[in-house]
Amino acid sequence: MENNMLNQHPADIAEQLTALNVKERNIAFYSLLNDDKVEVFSYFEPDIQYEIVKSLTDEDLAEVLNNLDPDDRTELFENFPDQLIKHSINLLNPEERATALNLIGYKEDSIARLMTPNYIQVKEHYTVKQVLAHIKKYGKKAETLTYIFIVDGKNRLIDDLKIGEILLADEDTKVEDLIDHNFV
């Protein structure tokens, strides 16, 4: 990076880097000091931010995300696909993670706090037969089938069940008869 950029306002640096091709921009961005990266990053348009995020190592991404203003980070996450949001939030320190989860609208008791977009959720009034049909329909998209998550009408987590409990239960048994409202 040219020395004349070092004394410029972060918005001006971002503008100059935006004019570069992707490879040159990423190299120039990597060459910035960590504090400068955070400042410059916040001035990029969302599509440029996304390109840079995809090119960063987890360590560099964690540095940028942990130091971004929470409002800027929330705006950034709004442009990310679900998998990248999950990955990015897991890079945050605990305090910043809690702030990010609140700002992106995941209530403390919501299933979304698990931060995987690919899980099986059912309602407590389902029968085991309905749960198994639901698993067959949506299970291939699930990240895990170890647990089935039971949610209320507002998609708030009310319990979880190990898949073994479902498999061993009679098909006419209702989920509400299997749950104990005790979950981590």
Protein backbone atom coordinates (compact mmCIF):
# COMPACT_ATOMS: atom_id res chain seq x y z
CA MET A 1 0.00 0.00 0.00
CA GLU A 2 1.20 3.45 -0.77
CA ASN A 3 2.46 5.49 2.16
CA ASN A 4 0.19 8.41 1.24
CA MET A 5 -2.83 6.28 2.23
CA LEU A 6 -1.59 5.87 5.78
CA ASN A 7 -2.45 9.42 6.81
CA GLN A 8 -5.84 9.54 5.11
CA HIS A 9 -9.30 9.27 6.61
CA PRO A 10 -10.63 5.67 6.61
CA ALA A 11 -13.48 6.67 4.27
CA ASP A 12 -10.94 7.90 1.71
CA ILE A 13 -8.90 4.70 2.02
CA ALA A 14 -12.07 2.63 1.56
CA GLU A 15 -12.93 4.62 -1.55
CA GLN A 16 -9.46 4.05 -3.03
CA LEU A 17 -9.55 0.33 -2.21
CA THR A 18 -13.00 -0.01 -3.75
CA ALA A 19 -11.56 1.17 -7.07
CA LEU A 20 -9.12 -1.76 -7.12
CA ASN A 21 -9.87 -5.22 -8.48
CA VAL A 22 -10.83 -7.86 -5.91
CA LYS A 23 -7.37 -9.41 -5.55
CA GLU A 24 -5.57 -6.06 -5.22
CA ARG A 25 -8.22 -4.78 -2.79
CA ASN A 26 -7.89 -7.86 -0.57
CA ILE A 27 -4.09 -7.61 -0.53
CA ALA A 28 -4.23 -3.89 0.28
CA PHE A 29 -6.82 -4.50 3.01
CA TYR A 30 -4.65 -7.24 4.55
CA SER A 31 -1.72 -4.84 4.66
CA LEU A 32 -3.60 -2.37 6.87
CA LEU A 33 -2.95 -2.36 10.61
CA ASN A 34 -5.71 -4.08 12.60
CA ASP A 35 -7.18 -0.85 13.96
CA ASP A 36 -7.18 0.62 10.45
CA LYS A 37 -8.86 -2.51 9.05
CA VAL A 38 -11.83 -2.03 11.36
CA GLU A 39 -12.16 1.65 10.54
CA VAL A 40 -11.79 1.22 6.78
CA PHE A 41 -14.05 -1.85 6.70
CA SER A 42 -17.00 0.08 8.12
CA TYR A 43 -16.90 2.46 5.13
CA PHE A 44 -17.16 -0.22 2.43
CA GLU A 45 -20.46 -0.93 0.69
CA PRO A 46 -22.08 -4.24 1.81
CA ASP A 47 -21.06 -6.13 -1.34
CA ILE A 48 -17.40 -5.14 -0.86
CA GLN A 49 -17.59 -6.05 2.84
CA TYR A 50 -18.93 -9.47 1.91
CA GLU A 51 -16.09 -10.05 -0.59
CA ILE A 52 -13.52 -9.07 2.00
CA VAL A 53 -15.10 -11.22 4.71
CA LYS A 54 -14.93 -14.25 2.42
CA SER A 55 -11.20 -13.64 1.90
CA LEU A 56 -10.26 -13.14 5.58
CA THR A 57 -8.86 -15.81 7.85
CA ASP A 58 -10.99 -16.60 10.90
CA GLU A 59 -8.47 -14.75 13.07
CA ASP A 60 -8.63 -11.59 10.95
CA LEU A 61 -12.41 -11.80 10.64
CA ALA A 62 -12.74 -12.18 14.42
CA GLU A 63 -10.55 -9.10 14.89
CA VAL A 64 -12.66 -7.01 12.53
CA LEU A 65 -16.04 -8.23 13.80
CA ASN A 66 -15.18 -7.92 17.49
CA ASN A 67 -14.10 -4.32 16.99
CA LEU A 68 -16.84 -3.14 14.64
CA ASP A 69 -19.48 -0.86 16.06
CA PRO A 70 -22.44 -3.14 16.95
CA ASP A 71 -24.79 -1.26 14.61
CA ASP A 72 -22.33 -1.61 11.71
CA ARG A 73 -21.89 -5.31 12.49
CA THR A 74 -25.67 -5.83 12.54
CA GLU A 75 -26.01 -4.12 9.17
CA LEU A 76 -23.23 -6.34 7.83
CA PHE A 77 -24.95 -9.50 9.10
CA GLU A 78 -28.19 -8.49 7.38
CA ASN A 79 -26.41 -8.98 4.06
CA PHE A 80 -24.89 -12.35 4.96
CA PRO A 81 -26.36 -15.78 4.21
CA ASP A 82 -27.42 -17.70 7.33
CA GLN A 83 -24.36 -19.98 7.35
CA LEU A 84 -21.98 -17.01 7.30
CA ILE A 85 -23.93 -15.27 10.08
CA LYS A 86 -23.63 -18.42 12.21
CA HIS A 87 -19.92 -18.75 11.48
CA SER A 88 -19.25 -15.06 12.10
CA ILE A 89 -21.18 -14.92 15.37
CA ASN A 90 -19.23 -17.91 16.65
CA LEU A 91 -16.01 -15.90 16.11
CA LEU A 92 -17.18 -13.13 18.44
CA ASN A 93 -16.12 -12.92 22.06
CA PRO A 94 -18.96 -13.72 24.53
CA GLU A 95 -19.91 -10.10 25.21
CA GLU A 96 -19.98 -9.12 21.53
CA ARG A 97 -21.84 -12.36 20.67
CA ALA A 98 -24.60 -11.53 23.17
CA THR A 99 -24.86 -8.00 21.77
CA ALA A 100 -24.95 -9.27 18.18
CA LEU A 101 -27.63 -11.86 18.92
CA ASN A 102 -29.82 -9.24 20.58
CA LEU A 103 -29.35 -6.73 17.77
CA ILE A 104 -30.13 -9.16 14.99
CA GLY A 105 -33.38 -9.95 16.75
CA TYR A 106 -32.84 -13.37 18.27
CA LYS A 107 -34.60 -13.32 21.62
CA GLU A 108 -32.88 -15.10 24.47
CA ASP A 109 -35.43 -17.94 24.53
CA SER A 110 -35.69 -18.45 20.77
CA ILE A 111 -34.56 -21.53 18.89
CA ALA A 112 -32.53 -19.26 16.60
CA ARG A 113 -30.09 -18.71 19.48
CA LEU A 114 -28.69 -22.13 18.61
CA MET A 115 -27.39 -20.36 15.49
CA THR A 116 -27.89 -23.09 13.01
CA PRO A 117 -30.45 -22.50 10.29
CA ASN A 118 -30.71 -26.24 9.65
CA TYR A 119 -32.48 -28.08 12.44
CA ILE A 120 -35.71 -30.02 12.90
CA GLN A 121 -38.39 -28.28 14.92
CA VAL A 122 -41.85 -29.57 15.74
CA LYS A 123 -44.82 -28.45 17.78
CA GLU A 124 -45.73 -30.15 21.04
CA HIS A 125 -49.13 -31.26 19.69
CA TYR A 126 -47.50 -33.43 16.97
CA THR A 127 -47.72 -37.19 17.30
CA VAL A 128 -44.58 -39.30 16.97
CA LYS A 129 -45.90 -40.41 13.57
CA GLN A 130 -46.13 -36.75 12.47
CA VAL A 131 -42.63 -36.06 13.81
CA LEU A 132 -41.18 -38.98 11.84
CA ALA A 133 -42.92 -37.79 8.67
CA HIS A 134 -41.56 -34.29 9.32
CA ILE A 135 -38.03 -35.69 9.77
CA LYS A 136 -38.31 -37.65 6.52
CA LYS A 137 -39.43 -34.51 4.71
CA TYR A 138 -36.87 -32.05 6.14
CA GLY A 139 -34.14 -34.21 7.71
CA LYS A 140 -31.75 -34.13 4.75
CA LYS A 141 -31.41 -30.36 5.17
CA ALA A 142 -30.75 -30.59 8.92
CA GLU A 143 -27.25 -30.05 10.24
CA THR A 144 -27.93 -32.58 12.97
CA LEU A 145 -30.62 -35.12 13.75
CA THR A 146 -29.39 -35.86 17.28
CA TYR A 147 -32.07 -33.63 18.79
CA ILE A 148 -35.53 -32.57 17.70
CA PHE A 149 -36.45 -29.12 18.98
CA ILE A 150 -39.95 -28.46 20.27
CA VAL A 151 -41.21 -24.91 19.80
CA ASP A 152 -44.37 -23.06 20.73
CA GLY A 153 -46.61 -21.07 18.38
CA LYS A 154 -44.12 -18.18 18.38
CA ASN A 155 -41.17 -20.48 17.55
CA ARG A 156 -39.75 -20.17 21.06
CA LEU A 157 -37.85 -23.21 22.23
CA ILE A 158 -39.75 -25.07 24.92
CA ASP A 159 -37.82 -28.36 24.95
CA ASP A 160 -35.67 -30.76 23.02
CA LEU A 161 -35.89 -34.50 22.54
CA LYS A 162 -33.17 -36.96 21.63
CA ILE A 163 -34.02 -38.76 18.41
CA GLY A 164 -33.88 -42.04 20.33
CA GLU A 165 -36.83 -40.96 22.46
CA ILE A 166 -38.86 -40.40 19.29
CA LEU A 167 -37.81 -43.71 17.74
CA LEU A 168 -38.71 -45.71 20.83
CA ALA A 169 -42.10 -44.09 21.44
CA ASP A 170 -45.43 -45.38 20.13
CA GLU A 171 -46.43 -43.58 16.92
CA ASP A 172 -49.67 -42.26 18.46
CA THR A 173 -47.86 -40.68 21.41
CA LYS A 174 -47.96 -36.89 21.44
CA VAL A 175 -44.72 -34.95 21.78
CA GLU A 176 -46.19 -33.10 24.76
CA ASP A 177 -46.29 -36.44 26.60
CA LEU A 178 -42.55 -36.99 26.00
CA ILE A 179 -41.17 -33.59 26.96
CA ASP A 180 -40.20 -32.44 30.43
CA HIS A 181 -39.51 -28.73 29.70
CA ASN A 182 -35.95 -29.27 30.89
CA PHE A 183 -33.31 -28.37 28.32
CA VAL A 184 -29.95 -26.72 28.11
